[in-house]
Amino acid sequence: QLQLEESGGGWAQPGQSLMLSCTSSGRTKDGFMLGDYLVGWFRQTPGKGREGISCINLDDGSTYYADSVKYRFTISRGSVKNEVTLQMDNLKPEDTGIYFCAADWGPDPRKMCGTTAGMDFWGNGILVTVSS
């Protein structure tokens, strides 16, 4: 069982930046680690529910971004093993929400971000608030 943990959330003013980190420890019973999965960031807001905003295939580096965050957010492998980061620049008030990290088996980050159903693993979420 992979345990996913988000960190780096908090409060920022519009136009500022935050970086979220998703880390995991351990392996599944089959020996897989975070790097063997697709990893995605999902955002939950009261008005829109939970939606996929950015996902990455760590094997080939392919990524997906929702239109709402494209050119402002960057998903990438972290500086430590089994870490995925989400660099969030030029934050807007509508970026406010609870951000969840998820891991799922498969090759296509666009497909992963297109649904919240059937994810193999979820983190507990972390709050990001953007306001002046």
Foldseek 3Di string as FASTA:
>chain_A
DKAKAKDFADEAAAQAKTKIKIAIDDAPPVRHAQLQWKKFKWFADPVPGIFTAKIANNVVGDMDGDPVQPPFWDWDADPDPRMIMIIGGRDDQVSWGWMKMFTAHDDDRVVVRGDPPDTPDIYPTDTHGYHD
